[in-house]
Amino acid sequence: MSDMIKTALTVAGSDPSGGAGIQADIKTMTALGVYGMSVITSLTAQNTMGVMGINDVPQDFLEAQINAVFEDIFPNAVKVGMVSSAELAQVIADRLRYYGAKNIVVDPVMVSTSGSALSKDGCVKLMEEKLFPLATLLTPNIPEAERLWGKHISNREDMQNCAEELSQKYGCAVLLKGGHFEGGADDVLVHQKVIWLTGERIDNPNTHGTGCTLSSAIASYLARGESLEEAVKKAKDYLTGAIRAGLDLGHGRGPLDHAYRSR
């Protein structure tokens, strides 16, 4: 059985409303035929309207969770999402390096869909120094990329320049997501070459957990042996379908329908 199913690990925060974080990741991995595992960095109290509280896991317990996974079911891919402190980021980077983890997709979650800050000061700097260089792919959205780049992004040329510079800076591929632009959802992938991925703008305000879903979908396809370019294209297609399904739950920005393909 171990040769028949691939495995993926998500290292991220928990979302009790089920739309983002490890819940979205596990749903995505399952929908895409991968055995999903999770290491929780933080417990959050959140829903479609916002984040009410964050309770970080102790450093030693975070390390224990990672060890427990890698020493038993070694993942074919790893997705790293919400990391709220430099101390937790350091543990993750150390453990991933120690175990020689492969196919690492880092979603630099800094702000939630509802606008709540999710990373403390100093965390981003440490991730830039220790975690991003371990990544196979970094998947920032426009606001996250602007923070990492230090410049404003106002058009496609800015997106490409930013993605190219971040890729060179961190030594990994970069998928810069354009969903925050009005009227379009094109993304740019810098991986040996520059690839523009055309996206469909869907009239659906329910986008809670889109970044989590896309990054875990990419990790899932990488775990299944797809090339990075194909993994990104197929993950983007899956995400588009999950948005188009039109699930409508909650009183704020609702979640996606991760299981739409099975309905």
C-alpha atoms as a PDB file:
ATOM      1  CA  MET A   1       0.000   0.000   0.000  1.00  0.00           C
ATOM      2  CA  SER A   2       2.881   2.405   0.787  1.00  0.00           C
ATOM      3  CA  ASP A   3       3.965   2.262  -2.872  1.00  0.00           C
ATOM      4  CA  MET A   4       0.463   3.027  -4.118  1.00  0.00           C
ATOM      5  CA  ILE A   5      -0.307   6.290  -2.342  1.00  0.00           C
ATOM      6  CA  LYS A   6       1.920   9.329  -1.971  1.00  0.00           C
ATOM      7  CA  THR A   7       2.139  11.356   1.217  1.00  0.00           C
ATOM      8  CA  ALA A   8       2.208  15.062   1.976  1.00  0.00           C
ATOM      9  CA  LEU A   9       2.678  17.010   5.198  1.00  0.00           C
ATOM     10  CA  THR A  10       1.212  20.398   6.031  1.00  0.00           C
ATOM     11  CA  VAL A  11       2.928  22.497   8.702  1.00  0.00           C
ATOM     12  CA  ALA A  12       0.479  25.294   9.425  1.00  0.00           C
ATOM     13  CA  GLY A  13      -2.077  26.820  11.761  1.00  0.00           C
ATOM     14  CA  SER A  14      -5.459  25.335  12.573  1.00  0.00           C
ATOM     15  CA  ASP A  15      -8.729  26.928  11.428  1.00  0.00           C
ATOM     16  CA  PRO A  16     -11.723  25.715  13.466  1.00  0.00           C
ATOM     17  CA  SER A  17     -14.144  26.931  10.779  1.00  0.00           C
ATOM     18  CA  GLY A  18     -12.495  24.526   8.323  1.00  0.00           C
ATOM     19  CA  GLY A  19     -11.867  26.918   5.454  1.00  0.00           C
ATOM     20  CA  ALA A  20      -8.144  27.609   5.749  1.00  0.00           C
ATOM     21  CA  GLY A  21      -5.034  26.277   7.469  1.00  0.00           C
ATOM     22  CA  ILE A  22      -4.475  22.592   8.050  1.00  0.00           C
ATOM     23  CA  GLN A  23      -8.154  21.796   7.588  1.00  0.00           C
ATOM     24  CA  ALA A  24      -8.128  23.205   4.049  1.00  0.00           C
ATOM     25  CA  ASP A  25      -4.795  21.496   3.386  1.00  0.00           C
ATOM     26  CA  ILE A  26      -5.949  18.050   4.486  1.00  0.00           C
ATOM     27  CA  LYS A  27      -9.165  18.381   2.464  1.00  0.00           C
ATOM     28  CA  THR A  28      -7.160  19.386  -0.600  1.00  0.00           C
ATOM     29  CA  MET A  29      -4.633  16.583  -0.237  1.00  0.00           C
ATOM     30  CA  THR A  30      -7.407  14.027   0.178  1.00  0.00           C
ATOM     31  CA  ALA A  31      -9.309  15.371  -2.829  1.00  0.00           C
ATOM     32  CA  LEU A  32      -6.168  15.061  -4.942  1.00  0.00           C
ATOM     33  CA  GLY A  33      -5.443  11.474  -3.963  1.00  0.00           C
ATOM     34  CA  VAL A  34      -2.614  12.075  -1.507  1.00  0.00           C
ATOM     35  CA  TYR A  35      -2.373  10.876   2.107  1.00  0.00           C
ATOM     36  CA  GLY A  36      -2.285  14.087   4.156  1.00  0.00           C
ATOM     37  CA  MET A  37      -0.559  14.608   7.504  1.00  0.00           C
ATOM     38  CA  SER A  38      -0.385  17.716   9.669  1.00  0.00           C
ATOM     39  CA  VAL A  39       1.848  19.488  12.136  1.00  0.00           C
ATOM     40  CA  ILE A  40       0.085  22.336  13.928  1.00  0.00           C
ATOM     41  CA  THR A  41       2.065  25.542  14.468  1.00  0.00           C
ATOM     42  CA  SER A  42      -0.734  27.532  16.100  1.00  0.00           C
ATOM     43  CA  LEU A  43      -4.294  27.133  17.269  1.00  0.00           C
ATOM     44  CA  THR A  44      -6.454  29.963  16.022  1.00  0.00           C
ATOM     45  CA  ALA A  45      -9.930  31.126  16.912  1.00  0.00           C
ATOM     46  CA  GLN A  46     -11.220  32.279  13.540  1.00  0.00           C
ATOM     47  CA  ASN A  47     -14.091  32.055  11.102  1.00  0.00           C
ATOM     48  CA  THR A  48     -15.088  33.637   7.797  1.00  0.00           C
ATOM     49  CA  MET A  49     -15.315  37.057   9.461  1.00  0.00           C
ATOM     50  CA  GLY A  50     -11.885  37.235  11.042  1.00  0.00           C
ATOM     51  CA  VAL A  51      -9.278  35.977  13.481  1.00  0.00           C
ATOM     52  CA  MET A  52     -10.174  36.390  17.155  1.00  0.00           C
ATOM     53  CA  GLY A  53      -7.134  34.779  18.727  1.00  0.00           C
ATOM     54  CA  ILE A  54      -3.882  32.894  18.120  1.00  0.00           C
ATOM     55  CA  ASN A  55      -2.302  30.421  20.526  1.00  0.00           C
ATOM     56  CA  ASP A  56       1.146  29.244  19.418  1.00  0.00           C
ATOM     57  CA  VAL A  57       2.276  25.674  20.025  1.00  0.00           C
ATOM     58  CA  PRO A  58       5.365  25.468  22.317  1.00  0.00           C
ATOM     59  CA  GLN A  59       8.633  25.101  20.408  1.00  0.00           C
ATOM     60  CA  ASP A  60       9.492  21.706  21.880  1.00  0.00           C
ATOM     61  CA  PHE A  61       6.058  20.334  21.023  1.00  0.00           C
ATOM     62  CA  LEU A  62       6.285  21.645  17.464  1.00  0.00           C
ATOM     63  CA  GLU A  63       9.597  19.828  17.121  1.00  0.00           C
ATOM     64  CA  ALA A  64       8.093  16.665  18.608  1.00  0.00           C
ATOM     65  CA  GLN A  65       5.264  16.737  16.049  1.00  0.00           C
ATOM     66  CA  ILE A  66       7.674  17.081  13.130  1.00  0.00           C
ATOM     67  CA  ASN A  67       9.888  14.298  14.455  1.00  0.00           C
ATOM     68  CA  ALA A  68       6.888  12.021  14.916  1.00  0.00           C
ATOM     69  CA  VAL A  69       5.915  12.375  11.256  1.00  0.00           C
ATOM     70  CA  PHE A  70       9.351  12.118   9.641  1.00  0.00           C
ATOM     71  CA  GLU A  71      10.470   9.158  11.760  1.00  0.00           C
ATOM     72  CA  ASP A  72       7.433   7.107  10.781  1.00  0.00           C
ATOM     73  CA  ILE A  73       5.799   8.228   7.500  1.00  0.00           C
ATOM     74  CA  PHE A  74       8.334  10.270   5.534  1.00  0.00           C
ATOM     75  CA  PRO A  75       6.383  12.759   3.387  1.00  0.00           C
ATOM     76  CA  ASN A  76       6.870  12.998  -0.365  1.00  0.00           C
ATOM     77  CA  ALA A  77       6.160  16.735  -0.138  1.00  0.00           C
ATOM     78  CA  VAL A  78       5.821  19.393   2.564  1.00  0.00           C
ATOM     79  CA  LYS A  79       3.660  22.506   2.592  1.00  0.00           C
ATOM     80  CA  VAL A  80       4.519  25.211   5.139  1.00  0.00           C
ATOM     81  CA  GLY A  81       1.817  27.760   5.861  1.00  0.00           C
ATOM     82  CA  MET A  82       1.137  29.997   8.845  1.00  0.00           C
ATOM     83  CA  VAL A  83       4.159  30.509  11.093  1.00  0.00           C
ATOM     84  CA  SER A  84       3.546  33.260  13.617  1.00  0.00           C
ATOM     85  CA  SER A  85       6.918  33.600  15.373  1.00  0.00           C
ATOM     86  CA  ALA A  86      10.631  33.508  14.581  1.00  0.00           C
ATOM     87  CA  GLU A  87      11.139  30.798  17.196  1.00  0.00           C
ATOM     88  CA  LEU A  88       8.677  28.462  15.483  1.00  0.00           C
ATOM     89  CA  ALA A  89      10.131  29.264  12.057  1.00  0.00           C
ATOM     90  CA  GLN A  90      13.576  28.334  13.341  1.00  0.00           C
ATOM     91  CA  VAL A  91      12.344  24.947  14.568  1.00  0.00           C
ATOM     92  CA  ILE A  92      10.684  24.202  11.226  1.00  0.00           C
ATOM     93  CA  ALA A  93      13.754  25.190   9.214  1.00  0.00           C
ATOM     94  CA  ASP A  94      16.074  23.149  11.447  1.00  0.00           C
ATOM     95  CA  ARG A  95      13.931  20.020  11.286  1.00  0.00           C
ATOM     96  CA  LEU A  96      13.296  20.168   7.534  1.00  0.00           C
ATOM     97  CA  ARG A  97      17.012  20.568   6.929  1.00  0.00           C
ATOM     98  CA  TYR A  98      17.854  17.762   9.379  1.00  0.00           C
ATOM     99  CA  TYR A  99      15.533  15.274   7.671  1.00  0.00           C
ATOM    100  CA  GLY A 100      16.402  16.371   4.142  1.00  0.00           C
ATOM    101  CA  ALA A 101      12.781  17.109   3.284  1.00  0.00           C
ATOM    102  CA  LYS A 102      11.976  17.356  -0.421  1.00  0.00           C
ATOM    103  CA  ASN A 103       9.355  19.218  -2.483  1.00  0.00           C
ATOM    104  CA  ILE A 104       8.878  22.007   0.052  1.00  0.00           C
ATOM    105  CA  VAL A 105       6.196  24.555  -0.826  1.00  0.00           C
ATOM    106  CA  VAL A 106       6.215  27.638   1.404  1.00  0.00           C
ATOM    107  CA  ASP A 107       3.142  29.861   1.487  1.00  0.00           C
ATOM    108  CA  PRO A 108       4.385  32.977   3.347  1.00  0.00           C
ATOM    109  CA  VAL A 109       1.118  33.643   5.162  1.00  0.00           C
ATOM    110  CA  MET A 110       1.399  37.050   6.790  1.00  0.00           C
ATOM    111  CA  VAL A 111      -2.175  38.341   6.740  1.00  0.00           C
ATOM    112  CA  SER A 112      -5.450  36.405   6.663  1.00  0.00           C
ATOM    113  CA  THR A 113      -8.087  36.850   3.941  1.00  0.00           C
ATOM    114  CA  SER A 114     -10.062  38.929   6.439  1.00  0.00           C
ATOM    115  CA  GLY A 115      -7.077  41.228   7.021  1.00  0.00           C
ATOM    116  CA  SER A 116      -5.760  39.975  10.368  1.00  0.00           C
ATOM    117  CA  ALA A 117      -1.984  39.925  10.917  1.00  0.00           C
ATOM    118  CA  LEU A 118      -0.704  36.371  11.413  1.00  0.00           C
ATOM    119  CA  SER A 119       3.078  36.809  11.799  1.00  0.00           C
ATOM    120  CA  LYS A 120       4.919  38.639  14.572  1.00  0.00           C
ATOM    121  CA  ASP A 121       7.799  41.023  13.929  1.00  0.00           C
ATOM    122  CA  GLY A 122      11.019  39.185  13.251  1.00  0.00           C
ATOM    123  CA  CYS A 123       9.333  36.075  11.925  1.00  0.00           C
ATOM    124  CA  VAL A 124       9.449  37.140   8.279  1.00  0.00           C
ATOM    125  CA  LYS A 125      13.134  38.038   8.510  1.00  0.00           C
ATOM    126  CA  LEU A 126      14.020  34.639   9.934  1.00  0.00           C
ATOM    127  CA  MET A 127      11.951  32.841   7.310  1.00  0.00           C
ATOM    128  CA  GLU A 128      13.799  34.791   4.622  1.00  0.00           C
ATOM    129  CA  GLU A 129      17.143  33.721   6.059  1.00  0.00           C
ATOM    130  CA  LYS A 130      16.448  30.125   7.106  1.00  0.00           C
ATOM    131  CA  LEU A 131      13.235  28.760   5.576  1.00  0.00           C
ATOM    132  CA  PHE A 132      12.819  30.250   2.095  1.00  0.00           C
ATOM    133  CA  PRO A 133      16.233  28.954   0.894  1.00  0.00           C
ATOM    134  CA  LEU A 134      15.042  25.402   1.698  1.00  0.00           C
ATOM    135  CA  ALA A 135      11.923  25.815  -0.429  1.00  0.00           C
ATOM    136  CA  THR A 136      11.268  24.314  -3.810  1.00  0.00           C
ATOM    137  CA  LEU A 137       8.597  26.959  -4.358  1.00  0.00           C
ATOM    138  CA  LEU A 138       7.480  30.153  -2.648  1.00  0.00           C
ATOM    139  CA  THR A 139       3.855  31.245  -3.239  1.00  0.00           C
ATOM    140  CA  PRO A 140       3.309  34.869  -2.128  1.00  0.00           C
ATOM    141  CA  ASN A 141       0.271  36.934  -3.074  1.00  0.00           C
ATOM    142  CA  ILE A 142       0.647  40.598  -4.082  1.00  0.00           C
ATOM    143  CA  PRO A 143       0.670  42.114  -0.537  1.00  0.00           C
ATOM    144  CA  GLU A 144       3.094  39.442   0.720  1.00  0.00           C
ATOM    145  CA  ALA A 145       5.367  39.892  -2.280  1.00  0.00           C
ATOM    146  CA  GLU A 146       5.389  43.676  -1.789  1.00  0.00           C
ATOM    147  CA  ARG A 147       6.505  43.203   1.795  1.00  0.00           C
ATOM    148  CA  LEU A 148       9.307  40.840   0.768  1.00  0.00           C
ATOM    149  CA  TRP A 149      10.347  42.959  -2.227  1.00  0.00           C
ATOM    150  CA  GLY A 150      10.047  46.302  -0.480  1.00  0.00           C
ATOM    151  CA  LYS A 151       8.326  47.916  -3.465  1.00  0.00           C
ATOM    152  CA  HIS A 152       4.788  48.475  -4.692  1.00  0.00           C
ATOM    153  CA  ILE A 153       3.422  46.155  -7.391  1.00  0.00           C
ATOM    154  CA  SER A 154       1.022  47.889  -9.771  1.00  0.00           C
ATOM    155  CA  ASN A 155       1.190  45.918 -13.035  1.00  0.00           C
ATOM    156  CA  ARG A 156       2.379  42.724 -14.754  1.00  0.00           C
ATOM    157  CA  GLU A 157       5.869  44.089 -15.314  1.00  0.00           C
ATOM    158  CA  ASP A 158       6.225  44.738 -11.580  1.00  0.00           C
ATOM    159  CA  MET A 159       4.975  41.226 -10.846  1.00  0.00           C
ATOM    160  CA  GLN A 160       7.555  39.643 -13.114  1.00  0.00           C
ATOM    161  CA  ASN A 161      10.419  41.794 -11.839  1.00  0.00           C
ATOM    162  CA  CYS A 162       9.459  41.029  -8.252  1.00  0.00           C
ATOM    163  CA  ALA A 163       9.169  37.278  -8.833  1.00  0.00           C
ATOM    164  CA  GLU A 164      12.517  37.163 -10.641  1.00  0.00           C
ATOM    165  CA  GLU A 165      14.304  39.100  -7.908  1.00  0.00           C
ATOM    166  CA  LEU A 166      12.782  37.051  -5.089  1.00  0.00           C
ATOM    167  CA  SER A 167      13.676  33.816  -6.893  1.00  0.00           C
ATOM    168  CA  GLN A 168      17.273  34.941  -7.231  1.00  0.00           C
ATOM    169  CA  LYS A 169      17.402  36.199  -3.642  1.00  0.00           C
ATOM    170  CA  TYR A 170      16.104  33.005  -2.020  1.00  0.00           C
ATOM    171  CA  GLY A 171      17.373  30.458  -4.548  1.00  0.00           C
ATOM    172  CA  CYS A 172      13.971  28.882  -5.134  1.00  0.00           C
ATOM    173  CA  ALA A 173      11.147  29.047  -7.660  1.00  0.00           C
ATOM    174  CA  VAL A 174       8.523  31.727  -7.037  1.00  0.00           C
ATOM    175  CA  LEU A 175       4.836  31.735  -7.937  1.00  0.00           C
ATOM    176  CA  LEU A 176       3.540  35.280  -7.546  1.00  0.00           C
ATOM    177  CA  LYS A 177      -0.254  35.209  -7.408  1.00  0.00           C
ATOM    178  CA  GLY A 178      -2.129  38.033  -9.099  1.00  0.00           C
ATOM    179  CA  GLY A 179      -5.551  37.433  -7.589  1.00  0.00           C
ATOM    180  CA  HIS A 180      -5.472  40.735  -5.693  1.00  0.00           C
ATOM    181  CA  PHE A 181      -5.533  42.697  -8.966  1.00  0.00           C
ATOM    182  CA  GLU A 182      -8.943  43.892 -10.119  1.00  0.00           C
ATOM    183  CA  GLY A 183     -10.149  42.263 -13.314  1.00  0.00           C
ATOM    184  CA  GLY A 184      -7.648  39.436 -13.543  1.00  0.00           C
ATOM    185  CA  ALA A 185      -6.197  36.426 -11.798  1.00  0.00           C
ATOM    186  CA  ASP A 186      -3.002  35.819 -13.773  1.00  0.00           C
ATOM    187  CA  ASP A 187      -0.022  34.411 -11.891  1.00  0.00           C
ATOM    188  CA  VAL A 188       3.648  34.439 -12.829  1.00  0.00           C
ATOM    189  CA  LEU A 189       5.934  31.478 -12.175  1.00  0.00           C
ATOM    190  CA  VAL A 190       9.689  31.971 -12.204  1.00  0.00           C
ATOM    191  CA  HIS A 191      11.371  28.595 -12.486  1.00  0.00           C
ATOM    192  CA  GLN A 192      14.386  28.524 -14.807  1.00  0.00           C
ATOM    193  CA  LYS A 193      12.217  30.634 -17.103  1.00  0.00           C
ATOM    194  CA  VAL A 194       9.260  32.994 -16.746  1.00  0.00           C
ATOM    195  CA  ILE A 195       5.834  31.404 -17.222  1.00  0.00           C
ATOM    196  CA  TRP A 196       2.586  33.383 -17.132  1.00  0.00           C
ATOM    197  CA  LEU A 197      -0.457  31.403 -16.065  1.00  0.00           C
ATOM    198  CA  THR A 198      -3.749  32.854 -17.193  1.00  0.00           C
ATOM    199  CA  GLY A 199      -6.432  32.821 -14.547  1.00  0.00           C
ATOM    200  CA  GLU A 200     -10.192  33.177 -14.693  1.00  0.00           C
ATOM    201  CA  ARG A 201     -11.753  35.892 -12.553  1.00  0.00           C
ATOM    202  CA  ILE A 202     -14.774  34.244 -10.945  1.00  0.00           C
ATOM    203  CA  ASP A 203     -17.576  36.319  -9.457  1.00  0.00           C
ATOM    204  CA  ASN A 204     -17.485  34.730  -6.013  1.00  0.00           C
ATOM    205  CA  PRO A 205     -16.554  36.699  -2.868  1.00  0.00           C
ATOM    206  CA  ASN A 206     -16.026  33.481  -0.898  1.00  0.00           C
ATOM    207  CA  THR A 207     -12.257  33.108  -1.036  1.00  0.00           C
ATOM    208  CA  HIS A 208     -11.383  32.085   2.525  1.00  0.00           C
ATOM    209  CA  GLY A 209      -8.382  29.774   2.347  1.00  0.00           C
ATOM    210  CA  THR A 210      -7.477  30.176  -1.339  1.00  0.00           C
ATOM    211  CA  GLY A 211      -3.757  30.547  -0.632  1.00  0.00           C
ATOM    212  CA  CYS A 212      -3.712  27.532   1.670  1.00  0.00           C
ATOM    213  CA  THR A 213      -5.614  25.472  -0.870  1.00  0.00           C
ATOM    214  CA  LEU A 214      -3.357  26.385  -3.800  1.00  0.00           C
ATOM    215  CA  SER A 215      -0.099  25.712  -1.966  1.00  0.00           C
ATOM    216  CA  SER A 216      -1.283  22.376  -0.580  1.00  0.00           C
ATOM    217  CA  ALA A 217      -2.563  21.394  -4.039  1.00  0.00           C
ATOM    218  CA  ILE A 218       0.860  22.151  -5.525  1.00  0.00           C
ATOM    219  CA  ALA A 219       2.509  20.075  -2.786  1.00  0.00           C
ATOM    220  CA  SER A 220       0.073  17.246  -3.522  1.00  0.00           C
ATOM    221  CA  TYR A 221       0.918  17.177  -7.216  1.00  0.00           C
ATOM    222  CA  LEU A 222       4.647  17.366  -6.455  1.00  0.00           C
ATOM    223  CA  ALA A 223       4.207  14.403  -4.106  1.00  0.00           C
ATOM    224  CA  ARG A 224       2.586  12.521  -6.992  1.00  0.00           C
ATOM    225  CA  GLY A 225       5.659  13.102  -9.146  1.00  0.00           C
ATOM    226  CA  GLU A 226       4.512  15.980 -11.343  1.00  0.00           C
ATOM    227  CA  SER A 227       7.048  18.542 -12.527  1.00  0.00           C
ATOM    228  CA  LEU A 228       6.860  21.902 -10.792  1.00  0.00           C
ATOM    229  CA  GLU A 229       5.289  23.609 -13.808  1.00  0.00           C
ATOM    230  CA  GLU A 230       2.651  20.896 -14.195  1.00  0.00           C
ATOM    231  CA  ALA A 231       1.989  20.823 -10.439  1.00  0.00           C
ATOM    232  CA  VAL A 232       1.321  24.562 -10.449  1.00  0.00           C
ATOM    233  CA  LYS A 233      -0.937  24.406 -13.514  1.00  0.00           C
ATOM    234  CA  LYS A 234      -2.992  21.495 -12.172  1.00  0.00           C
ATOM    235  CA  ALA A 235      -3.237  23.064  -8.707  1.00  0.00           C
ATOM    236  CA  LYS A 236      -4.450  26.334 -10.197  1.00  0.00           C
ATOM    237  CA  ASP A 237      -7.086  24.432 -12.179  1.00  0.00           C
ATOM    238  CA  TYR A 238      -8.241  22.623  -9.010  1.00  0.00           C
ATOM    239  CA  LEU A 239      -8.460  25.908  -7.101  1.00  0.00           C
ATOM    240  CA  THR A 240     -10.468  27.556  -9.875  1.00  0.00           C
ATOM    241  CA  GLY A 241     -12.973  24.714  -9.761  1.00  0.00           C
ATOM    242  CA  ALA A 242     -13.244  24.927  -5.974  1.00  0.00           C
ATOM    243  CA  ILE A 243     -14.074  28.629  -6.238  1.00  0.00           C
ATOM    244  CA  ARG A 244     -16.427  28.189  -9.179  1.00  0.00           C
ATOM    245  CA  ALA A 245     -18.416  25.554  -7.243  1.00  0.00           C
ATOM    246  CA  GLY A 246     -19.984  28.463  -5.410  1.00  0.00           C
ATOM    247  CA  LEU A 247     -20.114  27.178  -1.838  1.00  0.00           C
ATOM    248  CA  ASP A 248     -21.752  29.813   0.372  1.00  0.00           C
ATOM    249  CA  LEU A 249     -21.201  29.367   4.105  1.00  0.00           C
ATOM    250  CA  GLY A 250     -20.716  31.839   6.923  1.00  0.00           C
ATOM    251  CA  HIS A 251     -21.320  35.564   7.258  1.00  0.00           C
ATOM    252  CA  GLY A 252     -17.989  36.783   5.855  1.00  0.00           C
ATOM    253  CA  ARG A 253     -15.641  35.565   3.131  1.00  0.00           C
ATOM    254  CA  GLY A 254     -16.763  31.966   2.975  1.00  0.00           C
ATOM    255  CA  PRO A 255     -14.715  28.832   2.294  1.00  0.00           C
ATOM    256  CA  LEU A 256     -14.183  26.935  -0.949  1.00  0.00           C
ATOM    257  CA  ASP A 257     -15.738  23.617  -1.927  1.00  0.00           C
ATOM    258  CA  HIS A 258     -12.681  21.381  -1.681  1.00  0.00           C
ATOM    259  CA  ALA A 259     -14.688  18.262  -2.501  1.00  0.00           C
ATOM    260  CA  TYR A 260     -16.388  19.636  -5.621  1.00  0.00           C
ATOM    261  CA  ARG A 261     -14.890  16.966  -7.878  1.00  0.00           C
ATOM    262  CA  SER A 262     -16.571  14.198  -5.921  1.00  0.00           C
ATOM    263  CA  ARG A 263     -20.063  15.694  -6.145  1.00  0.00           C
END
